[in-house]
Amino acid sequence: MVEFIFTVRDGTPEDGYSLGDLEIVGNSASVTTRGLEHPDQGMMVYPSAVDLLFEARLLAGRGKGNGRFEGLGSMFVVEFSLQKDRVTTRHGKLLIDSTPLSQFLCAVYDSAKALFDHGVGAVAENRKVLNVLEKEIASFEMWRTSLDVEHMKSKNRRNR
């Protein structure tokens, strides 16, 4: 299963626009922005987490096709492809993982929630972005729950 890990860089006071990194760990490969300095691939992690939630929701809502995530303030790009209820995650030509959609959505949610939980105790200024992340997490969770309910109803109709 794919895992997304946002981290805030050490050594600077945290605010809603803190620079940080994203590590993506999959069954086939792992990639990270950490250490990519020419040019620096660090991103504003809190708004980037919002973007990742949004992109995952768009992709799942279409039911198939491609999506793209680019860290805010970075040139780090990850591409997603959804086919037959599986999301393939790639960085360039590098295959990171192929994950069932439900697990992919959980991984995206978990990464944003972990970053938000960190930010609650760490961000003293510019909390507006943190508040946006909190609202997007809540909205994503409600949407994902309704998606799971619809999936179960559909499955039950097919099994009759």
N, C-alpha and C. Protein backbone atom coordinates (compact mmCIF):
# COMPACT_ATOMS: atom_id res chain seq x y z
N MET A 1 0.84 -1.18 0.00
CA MET A 1 0.00 0.00 0.00
C MET A 1 0.88 1.24 0.00
N VAL A 2 0.47 2.25 -0.72
CA VAL A 2 1.21 3.50 -0.79
C VAL A 2 1.05 4.29 0.52
N GLU A 3 2.08 5.03 0.85
CA GLU A 3 2.03 5.88 2.05
C GLU A 3 2.63 7.25 1.69
N PHE A 4 1.96 8.30 2.11
CA PHE A 4 2.42 9.67 1.91
C PHE A 4 2.81 10.24 3.26
N ILE A 5 4.01 10.79 3.36
CA ILE A 5 4.50 11.30 4.64
C ILE A 5 4.98 12.73 4.45
N PHE A 6 4.21 13.68 4.97
CA PHE A 6 4.62 15.08 4.96
C PHE A 6 5.42 15.37 6.21
N THR A 7 6.52 16.10 6.08
CA THR A 7 7.30 16.54 7.23
C THR A 7 7.64 18.01 7.06
N VAL A 8 7.71 18.71 8.17
CA VAL A 8 8.10 20.12 8.18
C VAL A 8 9.60 20.16 8.44
N ARG A 9 10.28 21.03 7.71
CA ARG A 9 11.73 21.14 7.87
C ARG A 9 12.09 21.74 9.22
N ASP A 10 13.17 21.22 9.79
CA ASP A 10 13.67 21.71 11.07
C ASP A 10 14.33 23.07 10.91
N GLY A 11 14.41 23.79 12.02
CA GLY A 11 15.22 25.00 12.05
C GLY A 11 14.51 26.30 11.74
N THR A 12 13.23 26.25 11.43
CA THR A 12 12.51 27.49 11.18
C THR A 12 11.23 27.49 12.01
N PRO A 13 10.80 28.68 12.43
CA PRO A 13 9.52 28.72 13.16
C PRO A 13 8.40 28.26 12.23
N GLU A 14 7.48 27.49 12.76
CA GLU A 14 6.41 26.96 11.93
C GLU A 14 5.26 27.94 11.83
N ASP A 15 4.76 28.05 10.60
CA ASP A 15 3.50 28.74 10.36
C ASP A 15 2.78 27.98 9.26
N GLY A 16 1.65 28.48 8.82
CA GLY A 16 0.86 27.78 7.83
C GLY A 16 1.54 27.60 6.49
N TYR A 17 2.63 28.35 6.27
CA TYR A 17 3.35 28.27 5.00
C TYR A 17 4.72 27.63 5.15
N SER A 18 4.89 26.85 6.19
CA SER A 18 6.17 26.20 6.46
C SER A 18 6.60 25.32 5.29
N LEU A 19 7.91 25.39 5.02
CA LEU A 19 8.46 24.50 4.01
C LEU A 19 8.70 23.13 4.61
N GLY A 20 8.52 22.14 3.79
CA GLY A 20 8.75 20.78 4.25
C GLY A 20 8.93 19.86 3.06
N ASP A 21 8.83 18.60 3.35
CA ASP A 21 9.08 17.58 2.34
C ASP A 21 7.97 16.55 2.32
N LEU A 22 7.93 15.82 1.23
CA LEU A 22 6.99 14.71 1.06
C LEU A 22 7.79 13.48 0.69
N GLU A 23 7.53 12.42 1.42
CA GLU A 23 8.09 11.12 1.09
C GLU A 23 6.92 10.22 0.71
N ILE A 24 7.07 9.50 -0.39
CA ILE A 24 6.04 8.57 -0.82
C ILE A 24 6.68 7.19 -0.85
N VAL A 25 6.10 6.29 -0.08
CA VAL A 25 6.62 4.94 0.05
C VAL A 25 5.60 3.97 -0.54
N GLY A 26 6.06 3.11 -1.43
CA GLY A 26 5.18 2.13 -2.04
C GLY A 26 5.80 0.76 -2.05
N ASN A 27 5.08 -0.19 -2.59
CA ASN A 27 5.59 -1.56 -2.68
C ASN A 27 6.70 -1.71 -3.71
N SER A 28 6.71 -0.83 -4.71
CA SER A 28 7.70 -0.94 -5.78
C SER A 28 8.88 0.01 -5.63
N ALA A 29 8.66 1.17 -5.02
CA ALA A 29 9.72 2.17 -4.89
C ALA A 29 9.33 3.22 -3.87
N SER A 30 10.28 4.08 -3.55
CA SER A 30 10.05 5.22 -2.67
C SER A 30 10.70 6.44 -3.29
N VAL A 31 10.09 7.60 -3.07
CA VAL A 31 10.67 8.87 -3.51
C VAL A 31 10.50 9.89 -2.40
N THR A 32 11.36 10.88 -2.40
CA THR A 32 11.27 11.95 -1.41
C THR A 32 11.80 13.24 -1.99
N THR A 33 11.29 14.33 -1.47
CA THR A 33 11.82 15.65 -1.85
C THR A 33 13.01 16.02 -0.97
N ARG A 34 13.17 15.32 0.12
CA ARG A 34 14.27 15.62 1.06
C ARG A 34 15.61 15.43 0.37
N GLY A 35 16.43 16.46 0.43
CA GLY A 35 17.76 16.38 -0.16
C GLY A 35 17.83 16.81 -1.61
N LEU A 36 16.69 17.05 -2.23
CA LEU A 36 16.68 17.53 -3.62
C LEU A 36 16.81 19.05 -3.58
N GLU A 37 18.02 19.53 -3.78
CA GLU A 37 18.30 20.95 -3.53
C GLU A 37 18.65 21.76 -4.76
N HIS A 38 18.78 21.17 -5.91
CA HIS A 38 19.18 21.92 -7.12
C HIS A 38 18.22 21.64 -8.25
N PRO A 39 17.10 22.26 -8.37
CA PRO A 39 16.55 23.24 -7.45
C PRO A 39 15.89 22.56 -6.25
N ASP A 40 15.73 23.32 -5.20
CA ASP A 40 15.11 22.84 -3.97
C ASP A 40 13.69 22.36 -4.27
N GLN A 41 13.35 21.15 -3.85
CA GLN A 41 12.03 20.59 -4.10
C GLN A 41 11.12 20.64 -2.87
N GLY A 42 11.57 21.36 -1.83
CA GLY A 42 10.70 21.53 -0.67
C GLY A 42 9.42 22.22 -1.08
N MET A 43 8.37 21.98 -0.32
CA MET A 43 7.06 22.54 -0.65
C MET A 43 6.42 23.14 0.60
N MET A 44 5.45 24.01 0.41
CA MET A 44 4.65 24.49 1.52
C MET A 44 3.72 23.33 1.89
N VAL A 45 4.04 22.65 2.97
CA VAL A 45 3.41 21.36 3.23
C VAL A 45 1.92 21.44 3.58
N TYR A 46 1.50 22.45 4.33
CA TYR A 46 0.09 22.49 4.72
C TYR A 46 -0.83 22.71 3.51
N PRO A 47 -0.58 23.72 2.67
CA PRO A 47 -1.43 23.84 1.48
C PRO A 47 -1.23 22.69 0.49
N SER A 48 -0.05 22.08 0.47
CA SER A 48 0.17 20.93 -0.41
C SER A 48 -0.67 19.74 0.02
N ALA A 49 -0.84 19.56 1.32
CA ALA A 49 -1.70 18.47 1.81
C ALA A 49 -3.15 18.69 1.39
N VAL A 50 -3.59 19.96 1.41
CA VAL A 50 -4.93 20.28 0.92
C VAL A 50 -5.05 19.89 -0.55
N ASP A 51 -4.03 20.23 -1.33
CA ASP A 51 -4.05 19.90 -2.76
C ASP A 51 -4.07 18.39 -3.00
N LEU A 52 -3.34 17.64 -2.20
CA LEU A 52 -3.33 16.18 -2.35
C LEU A 52 -4.72 15.60 -2.07
N LEU A 53 -5.37 16.08 -1.02
CA LEU A 53 -6.74 15.64 -0.73
C LEU A 53 -7.67 15.96 -1.89
N PHE A 54 -7.56 17.16 -2.40
CA PHE A 54 -8.41 17.61 -3.50
C PHE A 54 -8.19 16.75 -4.75
N GLU A 55 -6.94 16.50 -5.09
CA GLU A 55 -6.63 15.71 -6.29
C GLU A 55 -7.14 14.27 -6.15
N ALA A 56 -6.98 13.68 -4.98
CA ALA A 56 -7.46 12.31 -4.75
C ALA A 56 -8.98 12.25 -4.90
N ARG A 57 -9.64 13.26 -4.39
CA ARG A 57 -11.10 13.31 -4.48
C ARG A 57 -11.56 13.46 -5.93
N LEU A 58 -10.89 14.32 -6.68
CA LEU A 58 -11.21 14.49 -8.10
C LEU A 58 -11.04 13.18 -8.86
N LEU A 59 -9.92 12.53 -8.63
CA LEU A 59 -9.62 11.28 -9.34
C LEU A 59 -10.67 10.21 -9.02
N ALA A 60 -10.97 10.04 -7.76
CA ALA A 60 -11.95 9.03 -7.36
C ALA A 60 -13.34 9.38 -7.88
N GLY A 61 -13.67 10.66 -7.89
CA GLY A 61 -14.97 11.10 -8.38
C GLY A 61 -15.17 10.80 -9.86
N ARG A 62 -14.10 10.86 -10.64
CA ARG A 62 -14.18 10.53 -12.07
C ARG A 62 -14.32 9.03 -12.28
N GLY A 63 -13.80 8.24 -11.34
CA GLY A 63 -13.90 6.79 -11.44
C GLY A 63 -12.86 6.13 -12.32
N LYS A 64 -12.15 6.92 -13.11
CA LYS A 64 -11.07 6.41 -13.95
C LYS A 64 -10.30 7.61 -14.49
N GLY A 65 -9.14 7.33 -15.04
CA GLY A 65 -8.37 8.41 -15.65
C GLY A 65 -7.12 8.75 -14.86
N ASN A 66 -6.61 9.95 -15.13
CA ASN A 66 -5.33 10.37 -14.57
C ASN A 66 -5.48 11.59 -13.69
N GLY A 67 -4.58 11.70 -12.74
CA GLY A 67 -4.50 12.86 -11.87
C GLY A 67 -3.05 13.22 -11.66
N ARG A 68 -2.85 14.41 -11.11
CA ARG A 68 -1.49 14.92 -10.95
C ARG A 68 -1.42 15.75 -9.68
N PHE A 69 -0.38 15.54 -8.90
CA PHE A 69 -0.13 16.34 -7.71
C PHE A 69 1.24 17.00 -7.86
N GLU A 70 1.27 18.30 -7.64
CA GLU A 70 2.54 19.03 -7.63
C GLU A 70 2.59 19.81 -6.32
N GLY A 71 3.66 19.57 -5.55
CA GLY A 71 3.81 20.26 -4.28
C GLY A 71 3.82 21.77 -4.49
N LEU A 72 3.10 22.49 -3.64
CA LEU A 72 3.00 23.94 -3.75
C LEU A 72 4.35 24.59 -3.46
N GLY A 73 4.86 25.35 -4.42
CA GLY A 73 6.16 25.97 -4.27
C GLY A 73 7.30 25.04 -4.67
N SER A 74 6.96 23.95 -5.33
CA SER A 74 7.93 22.92 -5.69
C SER A 74 7.68 22.49 -7.14
N MET A 75 8.63 21.81 -7.71
CA MET A 75 8.43 21.21 -9.01
C MET A 75 8.29 19.69 -8.88
N PHE A 76 8.11 19.21 -7.67
CA PHE A 76 7.97 17.78 -7.41
C PHE A 76 6.57 17.34 -7.84
N VAL A 77 6.51 16.43 -8.80
CA VAL A 77 5.24 15.99 -9.37
C VAL A 77 5.07 14.49 -9.19
N VAL A 78 3.86 14.11 -8.82
CA VAL A 78 3.47 12.71 -8.74
C VAL A 78 2.22 12.56 -9.59
N GLU A 79 2.17 11.49 -10.36
CA GLU A 79 1.03 11.25 -11.22
C GLU A 79 0.29 10.01 -10.76
N PHE A 80 -1.03 10.07 -10.90
CA PHE A 80 -1.90 8.96 -10.51
C PHE A 80 -2.70 8.51 -11.72
N SER A 81 -2.95 7.23 -11.77
CA SER A 81 -3.80 6.66 -12.81
C SER A 81 -4.77 5.70 -12.14
N LEU A 82 -6.06 5.91 -12.35
CA LEU A 82 -7.10 5.07 -11.77
C LEU A 82 -7.74 4.24 -12.85
N GLN A 83 -7.63 2.92 -12.71
CA GLN A 83 -8.26 1.97 -13.62
C GLN A 83 -8.67 0.75 -12.83
N LYS A 84 -9.90 0.31 -13.08
CA LYS A 84 -10.42 -0.91 -12.44
C LYS A 84 -10.23 -0.88 -10.93
N ASP A 85 -10.57 0.25 -10.32
CA ASP A 85 -10.56 0.43 -8.87
C ASP A 85 -9.16 0.32 -8.24
N ARG A 86 -8.11 0.58 -9.04
CA ARG A 86 -6.74 0.59 -8.55
C ARG A 86 -6.07 1.90 -8.97
N VAL A 87 -5.32 2.47 -8.05
CA VAL A 87 -4.59 3.70 -8.34
C VAL A 87 -3.10 3.38 -8.45
N THR A 88 -2.54 3.71 -9.60
CA THR A 88 -1.11 3.57 -9.82
C THR A 88 -0.48 4.92 -9.54
N THR A 89 0.55 4.92 -8.71
CA THR A 89 1.25 6.15 -8.35
C THR A 89 2.64 6.10 -8.97
N ARG A 90 2.99 7.18 -9.69
CA ARG A 90 4.28 7.27 -10.38
C ARG A 90 4.93 8.62 -10.12
N HIS A 91 6.24 8.61 -10.12
CA HIS A 91 7.04 9.84 -10.13
C HIS A 91 7.89 9.74 -11.39
N GLY A 92 7.52 10.53 -12.42
CA GLY A 92 8.16 10.36 -13.71
C GLY A 92 7.84 8.97 -14.24
N LYS A 93 8.84 8.24 -14.64
CA LYS A 93 8.64 6.87 -15.14
C LYS A 93 8.71 5.82 -14.02
N LEU A 94 9.05 6.27 -12.81
CA LEU A 94 9.21 5.36 -11.68
C LEU A 94 7.86 4.95 -11.10
N LEU A 95 7.56 3.66 -11.15
CA LEU A 95 6.36 3.12 -10.52
C LEU A 95 6.61 3.03 -9.02
N ILE A 96 5.75 3.70 -8.24
CA ILE A 96 5.88 3.67 -6.78
C ILE A 96 4.99 2.58 -6.20
N ASP A 97 3.72 2.54 -6.67
CA ASP A 97 2.79 1.57 -6.10
C ASP A 97 1.54 1.47 -6.98
N SER A 98 0.85 0.37 -6.84
CA SER A 98 -0.49 0.18 -7.40
C SER A 98 -1.35 -0.28 -6.23
N THR A 99 -2.34 0.54 -5.90
CA THR A 99 -3.10 0.37 -4.66
C THR A 99 -4.59 0.36 -4.94
N PRO A 100 -5.37 -0.48 -4.26
CA PRO A 100 -6.82 -0.38 -4.38
C PRO A 100 -7.27 1.05 -4.00
N LEU A 101 -8.27 1.56 -4.69
CA LEU A 101 -8.72 2.93 -4.49
C LEU A 101 -9.03 3.22 -3.03
N SER A 102 -9.72 2.33 -2.37
CA SER A 102 -10.09 2.59 -0.96
C SER A 102 -8.85 2.76 -0.09
N GLN A 103 -7.82 1.96 -0.32
CA GLN A 103 -6.58 2.08 0.46
C GLN A 103 -5.82 3.36 0.09
N PHE A 104 -5.84 3.71 -1.18
CA PHE A 104 -5.21 4.96 -1.63
C PHE A 104 -5.86 6.15 -0.92
N LEU A 105 -7.19 6.18 -0.89
CA LEU A 105 -7.90 7.28 -0.23
C LEU A 105 -7.59 7.32 1.26
N CYS A 106 -7.48 6.17 1.89
CA CYS A 106 -7.09 6.13 3.32
C CYS A 106 -5.69 6.68 3.51
N ALA A 107 -4.77 6.33 2.62
CA ALA A 107 -3.39 6.80 2.74
C ALA A 107 -3.31 8.32 2.59
N VAL A 108 -4.05 8.87 1.65
CA VAL A 108 -4.06 10.32 1.45
C VAL A 108 -4.64 11.01 2.69
N TYR A 109 -5.77 10.48 3.18
CA TYR A 109 -6.41 11.04 4.37
C TYR A 109 -5.46 10.96 5.57
N ASP A 110 -4.86 9.80 5.79
CA ASP A 110 -3.97 9.61 6.95
C ASP A 110 -2.80 10.58 6.91
N SER A 111 -2.26 10.84 5.72
CA SER A 111 -1.11 11.75 5.62
C SER A 111 -1.51 13.18 5.97
N ALA A 112 -2.65 13.61 5.47
CA ALA A 112 -3.11 14.97 5.78
C ALA A 112 -3.46 15.11 7.25
N LYS A 113 -4.08 14.09 7.81
CA LYS A 113 -4.47 14.12 9.23
C LYS A 113 -3.24 14.14 10.13
N ALA A 114 -2.23 13.36 9.81
CA ALA A 114 -1.00 13.35 10.61
C ALA A 114 -0.31 14.71 10.56
N LEU A 115 -0.27 15.32 9.38
CA LEU A 115 0.33 16.64 9.27
C LEU A 115 -0.48 17.67 10.06
N PHE A 116 -1.80 17.61 9.96
CA PHE A 116 -2.65 18.52 10.71
C PHE A 116 -2.42 18.35 12.21
N ASP A 117 -2.40 17.11 12.69
CA ASP A 117 -2.18 16.85 14.12
C ASP A 117 -0.85 17.45 14.57
N HIS A 118 0.17 17.34 13.75
CA HIS A 118 1.46 17.96 14.06
C HIS A 118 1.31 19.48 14.13
N GLY A 119 0.63 20.04 13.14
CA GLY A 119 0.49 21.49 13.05
C GLY A 119 -0.28 22.12 14.19
N VAL A 120 -1.24 21.39 14.75
CA VAL A 120 -2.04 21.93 15.84
C VAL A 120 -1.15 22.37 17.00
N GLY A 121 -0.13 21.60 17.29
CA GLY A 121 0.77 21.95 18.39
C GLY A 121 1.94 22.82 17.98
N ALA A 122 2.23 22.89 16.68
CA ALA A 122 3.45 23.55 16.24
C ALA A 122 3.23 24.93 15.61
N VAL A 123 2.09 25.13 14.97
CA VAL A 123 1.87 26.38 14.23
C VAL A 123 1.30 27.44 15.16
N ALA A 124 2.05 28.53 15.31
CA ALA A 124 1.60 29.62 16.17
C ALA A 124 1.03 30.78 15.35
N GLU A 125 1.58 31.01 14.15
CA GLU A 125 1.14 32.12 13.31
C GLU A 125 0.62 31.60 11.98
N ASN A 126 -0.18 32.45 11.32
CA ASN A 126 -0.76 32.09 10.02
C ASN A 126 -1.51 30.76 10.09
N ARG A 127 -2.39 30.66 11.08
CA ARG A 127 -3.15 29.42 11.26
C ARG A 127 -4.29 29.29 10.26
N LYS A 128 -4.50 30.30 9.43
CA LYS A 128 -5.59 30.25 8.45
C LYS A 128 -5.44 29.03 7.54
N VAL A 129 -4.22 28.76 7.09
CA VAL A 129 -3.99 27.61 6.22
C VAL A 129 -4.27 26.31 6.97
N LEU A 130 -3.90 26.26 8.23
CA LEU A 130 -4.18 25.08 9.05
C LEU A 130 -5.69 24.88 9.19
N ASN A 131 -6.43 25.97 9.33
CA ASN A 131 -7.89 25.88 9.41
C ASN A 131 -8.48 25.36 8.10
N VAL A 132 -7.91 25.78 6.97
CA VAL A 132 -8.36 25.28 5.66
C VAL A 132 -8.10 23.78 5.57
N LEU A 133 -6.93 23.35 6.02
CA LEU A 133 -6.61 21.92 6.01
C LEU A 133 -7.59 21.14 6.89
N GLU A 134 -7.91 21.67 8.05
CA GLU A 134 -8.86 21.01 8.95
C GLU A 134 -10.22 20.84 8.27
N LYS A 135 -10.71 21.88 7.60
CA LYS A 135 -12.00 21.79 6.92
C LYS A 135 -11.95 20.80 5.76
N GLU A 136 -10.85 20.80 5.02
CA GLU A 136 -10.73 19.87 3.89
C GLU A 136 -10.66 18.42 4.37
N ILE A 137 -9.99 18.19 5.49
CA ILE A 137 -9.93 16.83 6.07
C ILE A 137 -11.32 16.37 6.45
N ALA A 138 -12.09 17.24 7.13
CA ALA A 138 -13.44 16.88 7.55
C ALA A 138 -14.34 16.61 6.34
N SER A 139 -14.24 17.46 5.33
CA SER A 139 -15.03 17.28 4.11
C SER A 139 -14.64 15.99 3.39
N PHE A 140 -13.35 15.72 3.31
CA PHE A 140 -12.86 14.51 2.65
C PHE A 140 -13.36 13.27 3.39
N GLU A 141 -13.33 13.31 4.71
CA GLU A 141 -13.77 12.17 5.51
C GLU A 141 -15.26 11.89 5.30
N MET A 142 -16.07 12.95 5.28
CA MET A 142 -17.51 12.76 5.05
C MET A 142 -17.75 12.22 3.64
N TRP A 143 -17.05 12.77 2.66
CA TRP A 143 -17.19 12.31 1.28
C TRP A 143 -16.78 10.85 1.16
N ARG A 144 -15.65 10.49 1.76
CA ARG A 144 -15.15 9.11 1.66
C ARG A 144 -16.12 8.14 2.33
N THR A 145 -16.70 8.55 3.44
CA THR A 145 -17.68 7.70 4.13
C THR A 145 -18.90 7.48 3.24
N SER A 146 -19.39 8.54 2.59
CA SER A 146 -20.54 8.39 1.70
C SER A 146 -20.17 7.51 0.49
N LEU A 147 -18.95 7.62 0.02
CA LEU A 147 -18.47 6.78 -1.08
C LEU A 147 -18.47 5.31 -0.67
N ASP A 148 -18.01 5.02 0.55
CA ASP A 148 -18.00 3.65 1.06
C ASP A 148 -19.41 3.09 1.19
N VAL A 149 -20.35 3.93 1.64
CA VAL A 149 -21.75 3.50 1.78
C VAL A 149 -22.33 3.17 0.41
N GLU A 150 -22.09 4.04 -0.57
CA GLU A 150 -22.58 3.80 -1.93
C GLU A 150 -21.97 2.53 -2.52
N HIS A 151 -20.67 2.30 -2.25
CA HIS A 151 -20.00 1.10 -2.75
C HIS A 151 -20.64 -0.15 -2.15
N MET A 152 -20.96 -0.11 -0.86
CA MET A 152 -21.57 -1.28 -0.21
C MET A 152 -22.98 -1.52 -0.75
N LYS A 153 -23.75 -0.46 -0.98
CA LYS A 153 -25.09 -0.62 -1.55
C LYS A 153 -25.00 -1.26 -2.93
N SER A 154 -24.08 -0.78 -3.74
CA SER A 154 -23.89 -1.32 -5.09
C SER A 154 -23.48 -2.78 -5.03
N LYS A 155 -22.59 -3.10 -4.13
CA LYS A 155 -22.12 -4.48 -3.97
C LYS A 155 -23.27 -5.40 -3.54
N ASN A 156 -24.12 -4.92 -2.62
CA ASN A 156 -25.24 -5.71 -2.16
C ASN A 156 -26.25 -5.95 -3.28
N ARG A 157 -26.48 -4.94 -4.14
CA ARG A 157 -27.40 -5.10 -5.27
C ARG A 157 -26.87 -6.16 -6.25
N ARG A 158 -25.58 -6.17 -6.47
CA ARG A 158 -24.98 -7.15 -7.39
C ARG A 158 -25.04 -8.56 -6.84
N ASN A 159 -25.00 -8.69 -5.51
CA ASN A 159 -24.99 -10.01 -4.88
C ASN A 159 -26.37 -10.63 -4.74
N ARG A 160 -27.42 -9.89 -5.09
CA ARG A 160 -28.77 -10.43 -4.95
C ARG A 160 -29.11 -11.38 -6.04
